[in-house]
Amino acid sequence: MRVKKVLLVDDSPTDQLVVIRILASQNFDIVTAGNGEEAIEKAKRESPDCILMDVVMPGINGFQATRALAKDPATKDIPVIILSSKGQQTDKIWGERQGAKGYLVKPVSESDLISKLEEL
């Protein structure tokens, strides 16, 4: 599947801007959300091809949102890639157990991010 529309979920405007610049340079359509609740709602409404999910956010965190998306028939087929500053192996394993299809650690390089999106 060619990823065209990406839902970027991050509560940090600075981190959002970094990823938006990378995605925009590759002509992706970008939708943003600032927390897990908003991510779940926008995933259902926008039907993105992929979701880039931060972990540490207020309210529903990225692991919880990923699990909710993976269990919902309306969103279960949208691949989620965790994009987090939490880089321990246990975090990566836990992210995959919640339903994530990949895990990237911030700060992410443009080549790593684009490669991961092309794998989908």
N, C-alpha and C. Protein backbone atom coordinates (compact mmCIF):
# COMPACT_ATOMS: atom_id res chain seq x y z
N MET A 1 0.83 -1.18 0.00
CA MET A 1 0.00 0.00 0.00
C MET A 1 0.87 1.24 0.00
N ARG A 2 0.56 2.16 -0.83
CA ARG A 2 1.26 3.45 -0.86
C ARG A 2 0.61 4.38 0.15
N VAL A 3 1.38 4.82 1.14
CA VAL A 3 0.88 5.73 2.15
C VAL A 3 0.81 7.14 1.57
N LYS A 4 -0.37 7.74 1.62
CA LYS A 4 -0.54 9.11 1.14
C LYS A 4 -0.93 10.05 2.27
N LYS A 5 -1.89 9.61 3.09
CA LYS A 5 -2.38 10.45 4.19
C LYS A 5 -1.90 9.88 5.52
N VAL A 6 -1.26 10.76 6.32
CA VAL A 6 -0.70 10.36 7.61
C VAL A 6 -1.36 11.17 8.72
N LEU A 7 -1.80 10.47 9.76
CA LEU A 7 -2.27 11.12 10.97
C LEU A 7 -1.10 11.17 11.95
N LEU A 8 -0.65 12.37 12.27
CA LEU A 8 0.47 12.58 13.18
C LEU A 8 -0.09 12.95 14.55
N VAL A 9 0.21 12.13 15.56
CA VAL A 9 -0.32 12.35 16.91
C VAL A 9 0.84 12.66 17.85
N ASP A 10 0.86 13.90 18.34
CA ASP A 10 1.92 14.33 19.25
C ASP A 10 1.44 15.57 19.98
N ASP A 11 1.69 15.64 21.28
CA ASP A 11 1.28 16.80 22.05
C ASP A 11 2.31 17.93 22.03
N SER A 12 3.47 17.68 21.45
CA SER A 12 4.52 18.69 21.37
C SER A 12 4.49 19.39 20.02
N PRO A 13 4.17 20.69 20.01
CA PRO A 13 4.17 21.42 18.73
C PRO A 13 5.53 21.37 18.02
N THR A 14 6.61 21.38 18.81
CA THR A 14 7.95 21.32 18.22
C THR A 14 8.18 19.99 17.51
N ASP A 15 7.84 18.89 18.20
CA ASP A 15 8.01 17.57 17.59
C ASP A 15 7.09 17.42 16.37
N GLN A 16 5.87 17.95 16.47
CA GLN A 16 4.96 17.90 15.32
C GLN A 16 5.58 18.61 14.13
N LEU A 17 6.14 19.80 14.36
CA LEU A 17 6.71 20.58 13.27
C LEU A 17 7.85 19.85 12.57
N VAL A 18 8.70 19.19 13.35
CA VAL A 18 9.82 18.44 12.76
C VAL A 18 9.30 17.36 11.81
N VAL A 19 8.32 16.59 12.26
CA VAL A 19 7.79 15.48 11.45
C VAL A 19 6.97 16.03 10.28
N ILE A 20 6.23 17.11 10.50
CA ILE A 20 5.46 17.72 9.40
C ILE A 20 6.40 18.14 8.28
N ARG A 21 7.52 18.73 8.63
CA ARG A 21 8.48 19.16 7.59
C ARG A 21 8.99 17.97 6.78
N ILE A 22 9.28 16.88 7.46
CA ILE A 22 9.74 15.68 6.75
C ILE A 22 8.64 15.17 5.82
N LEU A 23 7.43 15.03 6.35
CA LEU A 23 6.33 14.48 5.55
C LEU A 23 5.95 15.41 4.40
N ALA A 24 5.93 16.70 4.66
CA ALA A 24 5.58 17.67 3.62
C ALA A 24 6.59 17.66 2.48
N SER A 25 7.86 17.45 2.82
CA SER A 25 8.89 17.42 1.77
C SER A 25 8.71 16.23 0.84
N GLN A 26 7.97 15.22 1.31
CA GLN A 26 7.71 14.02 0.50
C GLN A 26 6.26 14.00 -0.03
N ASN A 27 5.57 15.14 0.10
CA ASN A 27 4.21 15.32 -0.44
C ASN A 27 3.14 14.43 0.19
N PHE A 28 3.29 14.12 1.47
CA PHE A 28 2.24 13.40 2.18
C PHE A 28 1.15 14.39 2.58
N ASP A 29 -0.10 13.92 2.62
CA ASP A 29 -1.17 14.68 3.23
C ASP A 29 -1.07 14.43 4.73
N ILE A 30 -1.16 15.49 5.53
CA ILE A 30 -0.92 15.37 6.96
C ILE A 30 -2.13 15.89 7.74
N VAL A 31 -2.58 15.07 8.67
CA VAL A 31 -3.61 15.44 9.63
C VAL A 31 -2.96 15.32 10.99
N THR A 32 -3.23 16.25 11.90
CA THR A 32 -2.59 16.20 13.21
C THR A 32 -3.62 16.04 14.34
N ALA A 33 -3.13 15.46 15.43
CA ALA A 33 -3.90 15.35 16.66
C ALA A 33 -2.94 15.57 17.82
N GLY A 34 -3.44 16.19 18.89
CA GLY A 34 -2.58 16.52 20.02
C GLY A 34 -2.65 15.58 21.19
N ASN A 35 -3.53 14.57 21.11
CA ASN A 35 -3.64 13.61 22.21
C ASN A 35 -4.31 12.34 21.72
N GLY A 36 -4.37 11.34 22.59
CA GLY A 36 -4.92 10.04 22.21
C GLY A 36 -6.39 10.07 21.87
N GLU A 37 -7.17 10.83 22.64
CA GLU A 37 -8.61 10.92 22.38
C GLU A 37 -8.87 11.49 21.00
N GLU A 38 -8.17 12.59 20.70
CA GLU A 38 -8.32 13.24 19.39
C GLU A 38 -7.85 12.32 18.27
N ALA A 39 -6.80 11.55 18.54
CA ALA A 39 -6.28 10.62 17.54
C ALA A 39 -7.32 9.57 17.15
N ILE A 40 -8.00 9.01 18.15
CA ILE A 40 -9.01 7.99 17.88
C ILE A 40 -10.15 8.58 17.06
N GLU A 41 -10.60 9.77 17.44
CA GLU A 41 -11.69 10.43 16.72
C GLU A 41 -11.29 10.76 15.28
N LYS A 42 -10.09 11.32 15.11
CA LYS A 42 -9.65 11.70 13.76
C LYS A 42 -9.36 10.47 12.90
N ALA A 43 -8.88 9.40 13.49
CA ALA A 43 -8.63 8.18 12.71
C ALA A 43 -9.93 7.68 12.10
N LYS A 44 -11.01 7.73 12.88
CA LYS A 44 -12.31 7.29 12.37
C LYS A 44 -12.84 8.24 11.30
N ARG A 45 -12.65 9.54 11.51
CA ARG A 45 -13.20 10.53 10.59
C ARG A 45 -12.38 10.69 9.32
N GLU A 46 -11.05 10.66 9.44
CA GLU A 46 -10.16 10.97 8.32
C GLU A 46 -9.70 9.76 7.52
N SER A 47 -9.78 8.57 8.09
CA SER A 47 -9.30 7.34 7.45
C SER A 47 -7.90 7.49 6.85
N PRO A 48 -6.92 7.79 7.70
CA PRO A 48 -5.56 7.92 7.17
C PRO A 48 -5.00 6.57 6.73
N ASP A 49 -3.95 6.62 5.92
CA ASP A 49 -3.27 5.40 5.49
C ASP A 49 -2.34 4.88 6.58
N CYS A 50 -1.94 5.76 7.50
CA CYS A 50 -1.00 5.40 8.55
C CYS A 50 -1.14 6.41 9.69
N ILE A 51 -0.81 5.96 10.90
CA ILE A 51 -0.82 6.84 12.07
C ILE A 51 0.57 6.81 12.70
N LEU A 52 1.14 7.99 12.92
CA LEU A 52 2.40 8.12 13.66
C LEU A 52 2.01 8.57 15.06
N MET A 53 2.27 7.73 16.06
CA MET A 53 1.73 7.91 17.41
C MET A 53 2.83 8.14 18.44
N ASP A 54 2.79 9.31 19.09
CA ASP A 54 3.64 9.56 20.25
C ASP A 54 3.11 8.71 21.41
N VAL A 55 3.92 8.50 22.43
CA VAL A 55 3.49 7.71 23.57
C VAL A 55 3.11 8.60 24.75
N VAL A 56 4.00 9.48 25.16
CA VAL A 56 3.78 10.28 26.36
C VAL A 56 2.93 11.50 26.01
N MET A 57 1.64 11.42 26.37
CA MET A 57 0.69 12.50 26.12
C MET A 57 -0.29 12.54 27.28
N PRO A 58 -0.92 13.70 27.50
CA PRO A 58 -1.93 13.77 28.56
C PRO A 58 -3.17 12.96 28.19
N GLY A 59 -3.89 12.51 29.20
CA GLY A 59 -5.10 11.72 28.94
C GLY A 59 -4.72 10.32 28.48
N ILE A 60 -5.35 9.88 27.41
CA ILE A 60 -5.04 8.57 26.84
C ILE A 60 -3.65 8.64 26.21
N ASN A 61 -2.73 7.79 26.68
CA ASN A 61 -1.38 7.82 26.11
C ASN A 61 -1.35 7.06 24.77
N GLY A 62 -0.22 7.10 24.12
CA GLY A 62 -0.10 6.49 22.80
C GLY A 62 -0.28 4.98 22.80
N PHE A 63 0.17 4.30 23.84
CA PHE A 63 -0.04 2.86 23.92
C PHE A 63 -1.53 2.54 24.04
N GLN A 64 -2.23 3.29 24.89
CA GLN A 64 -3.67 3.07 25.07
C GLN A 64 -4.43 3.38 23.78
N ALA A 65 -4.07 4.47 23.12
CA ALA A 65 -4.74 4.84 21.87
C ALA A 65 -4.48 3.80 20.79
N THR A 66 -3.25 3.30 20.72
CA THR A 66 -2.92 2.27 19.73
C THR A 66 -3.74 1.02 19.97
N ARG A 67 -3.86 0.61 21.22
CA ARG A 67 -4.66 -0.56 21.57
C ARG A 67 -6.13 -0.36 21.19
N ALA A 68 -6.68 0.82 21.48
CA ALA A 68 -8.07 1.12 21.14
C ALA A 68 -8.28 1.09 19.62
N LEU A 69 -7.36 1.65 18.88
CA LEU A 69 -7.46 1.66 17.42
C LEU A 69 -7.38 0.25 16.85
N ALA A 70 -6.49 -0.57 17.42
CA ALA A 70 -6.31 -1.94 16.93
C ALA A 70 -7.53 -2.81 17.19
N LYS A 71 -8.29 -2.49 18.23
CA LYS A 71 -9.46 -3.29 18.59
C LYS A 71 -10.75 -2.83 17.91
N ASP A 72 -10.75 -1.63 17.36
CA ASP A 72 -11.96 -1.06 16.77
C ASP A 72 -12.07 -1.51 15.31
N PRO A 73 -13.18 -2.15 14.92
CA PRO A 73 -13.34 -2.59 13.53
C PRO A 73 -13.18 -1.46 12.51
N ALA A 74 -13.50 -0.23 12.90
CA ALA A 74 -13.42 0.90 11.97
C ALA A 74 -11.98 1.35 11.72
N THR A 75 -11.06 1.02 12.64
CA THR A 75 -9.68 1.51 12.52
C THR A 75 -8.62 0.42 12.59
N LYS A 76 -9.01 -0.83 12.77
CA LYS A 76 -8.04 -1.90 13.01
C LYS A 76 -7.07 -2.14 11.86
N ASP A 77 -7.45 -1.74 10.65
CA ASP A 77 -6.59 -1.96 9.49
C ASP A 77 -5.65 -0.79 9.20
N ILE A 78 -5.72 0.27 9.99
CA ILE A 78 -4.82 1.41 9.81
C ILE A 78 -3.54 1.13 10.58
N PRO A 79 -2.41 1.01 9.90
CA PRO A 79 -1.17 0.72 10.63
C PRO A 79 -0.73 1.90 11.50
N VAL A 80 -0.30 1.57 12.71
CA VAL A 80 0.21 2.57 13.65
C VAL A 80 1.71 2.35 13.81
N ILE A 81 2.45 3.43 13.68
CA ILE A 81 3.89 3.42 13.97
C ILE A 81 4.09 4.32 15.18
N ILE A 82 4.65 3.74 16.24
CA ILE A 82 4.95 4.52 17.43
C ILE A 82 6.17 5.38 17.12
N LEU A 83 6.08 6.66 17.47
CA LEU A 83 7.17 7.61 17.26
C LEU A 83 7.38 8.29 18.62
N SER A 84 8.35 7.81 19.40
CA SER A 84 8.45 8.23 20.79
C SER A 84 9.88 8.45 21.23
N SER A 85 10.03 9.23 22.29
CA SER A 85 11.35 9.40 22.91
C SER A 85 11.67 8.22 23.82
N LYS A 86 10.68 7.38 24.12
CA LYS A 86 10.88 6.18 24.94
C LYS A 86 11.54 5.11 24.06
N GLY A 87 12.81 4.88 24.27
CA GLY A 87 13.55 4.02 23.38
C GLY A 87 14.00 2.69 23.94
N GLN A 88 13.50 2.30 25.11
CA GLN A 88 13.90 1.02 25.68
C GLN A 88 13.29 -0.13 24.89
N GLN A 89 13.96 -1.26 24.87
CA GLN A 89 13.46 -2.44 24.17
C GLN A 89 12.08 -2.85 24.70
N THR A 90 11.88 -2.72 26.01
CA THR A 90 10.58 -3.08 26.59
C THR A 90 9.47 -2.18 26.05
N ASP A 91 9.79 -0.90 25.79
CA ASP A 91 8.79 0.01 25.20
C ASP A 91 8.41 -0.44 23.80
N LYS A 92 9.41 -0.85 23.04
CA LYS A 92 9.16 -1.31 21.66
C LYS A 92 8.30 -2.57 21.67
N ILE A 93 8.64 -3.49 22.53
CA ILE A 93 7.86 -4.74 22.62
C ILE A 93 6.43 -4.43 23.06
N TRP A 94 6.27 -3.56 24.05
CA TRP A 94 4.94 -3.21 24.54
C TRP A 94 4.13 -2.53 23.43
N GLY A 95 4.78 -1.65 22.67
CA GLY A 95 4.09 -0.99 21.56
C GLY A 95 3.57 -1.98 20.53
N GLU A 96 4.38 -2.96 20.20
CA GLU A 96 3.96 -3.99 19.24
C GLU A 96 2.83 -4.84 19.81
N ARG A 97 2.87 -5.09 21.11
CA ARG A 97 1.79 -5.87 21.74
C ARG A 97 0.46 -5.10 21.75
N GLN A 98 0.55 -3.78 21.68
CA GLN A 98 -0.67 -2.97 21.62
C GLN A 98 -1.23 -2.88 20.21
N GLY A 99 -0.43 -3.34 19.22
CA GLY A 99 -0.90 -3.34 17.85
C GLY A 99 -0.09 -2.52 16.88
N ALA A 100 0.97 -1.87 17.36
CA ALA A 100 1.80 -1.06 16.47
C ALA A 100 2.54 -1.93 15.45
N LYS A 101 2.69 -1.40 14.25
CA LYS A 101 3.39 -2.11 13.16
C LYS A 101 4.86 -1.70 13.06
N GLY A 102 5.26 -0.76 13.90
CA GLY A 102 6.64 -0.31 13.90
C GLY A 102 6.88 0.63 15.06
N TYR A 103 8.15 0.90 15.33
CA TYR A 103 8.52 1.74 16.46
C TYR A 103 9.76 2.52 16.08
N LEU A 104 9.67 3.84 16.10
CA LEU A 104 10.81 4.70 15.83
C LEU A 104 11.05 5.59 17.03
N VAL A 105 12.33 5.87 17.31
CA VAL A 105 12.70 6.68 18.46
C VAL A 105 13.05 8.09 18.00
N LYS A 106 12.51 9.07 18.74
CA LYS A 106 12.82 10.49 18.47
C LYS A 106 14.21 10.81 19.00
N PRO A 107 14.93 11.70 18.38
CA PRO A 107 14.56 12.36 17.14
C PRO A 107 14.74 11.40 15.96
N VAL A 108 13.75 11.34 15.11
CA VAL A 108 13.78 10.41 13.99
C VAL A 108 14.43 11.08 12.78
N SER A 109 15.20 10.31 12.05
CA SER A 109 15.80 10.85 10.83
C SER A 109 14.80 10.75 9.69
N GLU A 110 14.95 11.62 8.73
CA GLU A 110 14.06 11.60 7.57
C GLU A 110 14.12 10.25 6.86
N SER A 111 15.32 9.72 6.69
CA SER A 111 15.46 8.45 5.96
C SER A 111 14.79 7.30 6.71
N ASP A 112 14.93 7.26 8.05
CA ASP A 112 14.28 6.19 8.82
C ASP A 112 12.76 6.29 8.74
N LEU A 113 12.24 7.50 8.86
CA LEU A 113 10.79 7.69 8.83
C LEU A 113 10.21 7.32 7.46
N ILE A 114 10.83 7.80 6.42
CA ILE A 114 10.33 7.53 5.07
C ILE A 114 10.46 6.03 4.75
N SER A 115 11.57 5.41 5.16
CA SER A 115 11.75 3.97 4.94
C SER A 115 10.64 3.17 5.62
N LYS A 116 10.32 3.55 6.87
CA LYS A 116 9.29 2.83 7.61
C LYS A 116 7.93 2.99 6.93
N LEU A 117 7.64 4.19 6.44
CA LEU A 117 6.36 4.40 5.74
C LEU A 117 6.31 3.63 4.42
N GLU A 118 7.44 3.52 3.75
CA GLU A 118 7.48 2.78 2.48
C GLU A 118 7.33 1.28 2.70
N GLU A 119 7.67 0.78 3.89
CA GLU A 119 7.52 -0.65 4.19
C GLU A 119 6.05 -1.06 4.29
N LEU A 120 5.18 -0.12 4.59
CA LEU A 120 3.75 -0.43 4.80
C LEU A 120 3.06 -0.79 3.50
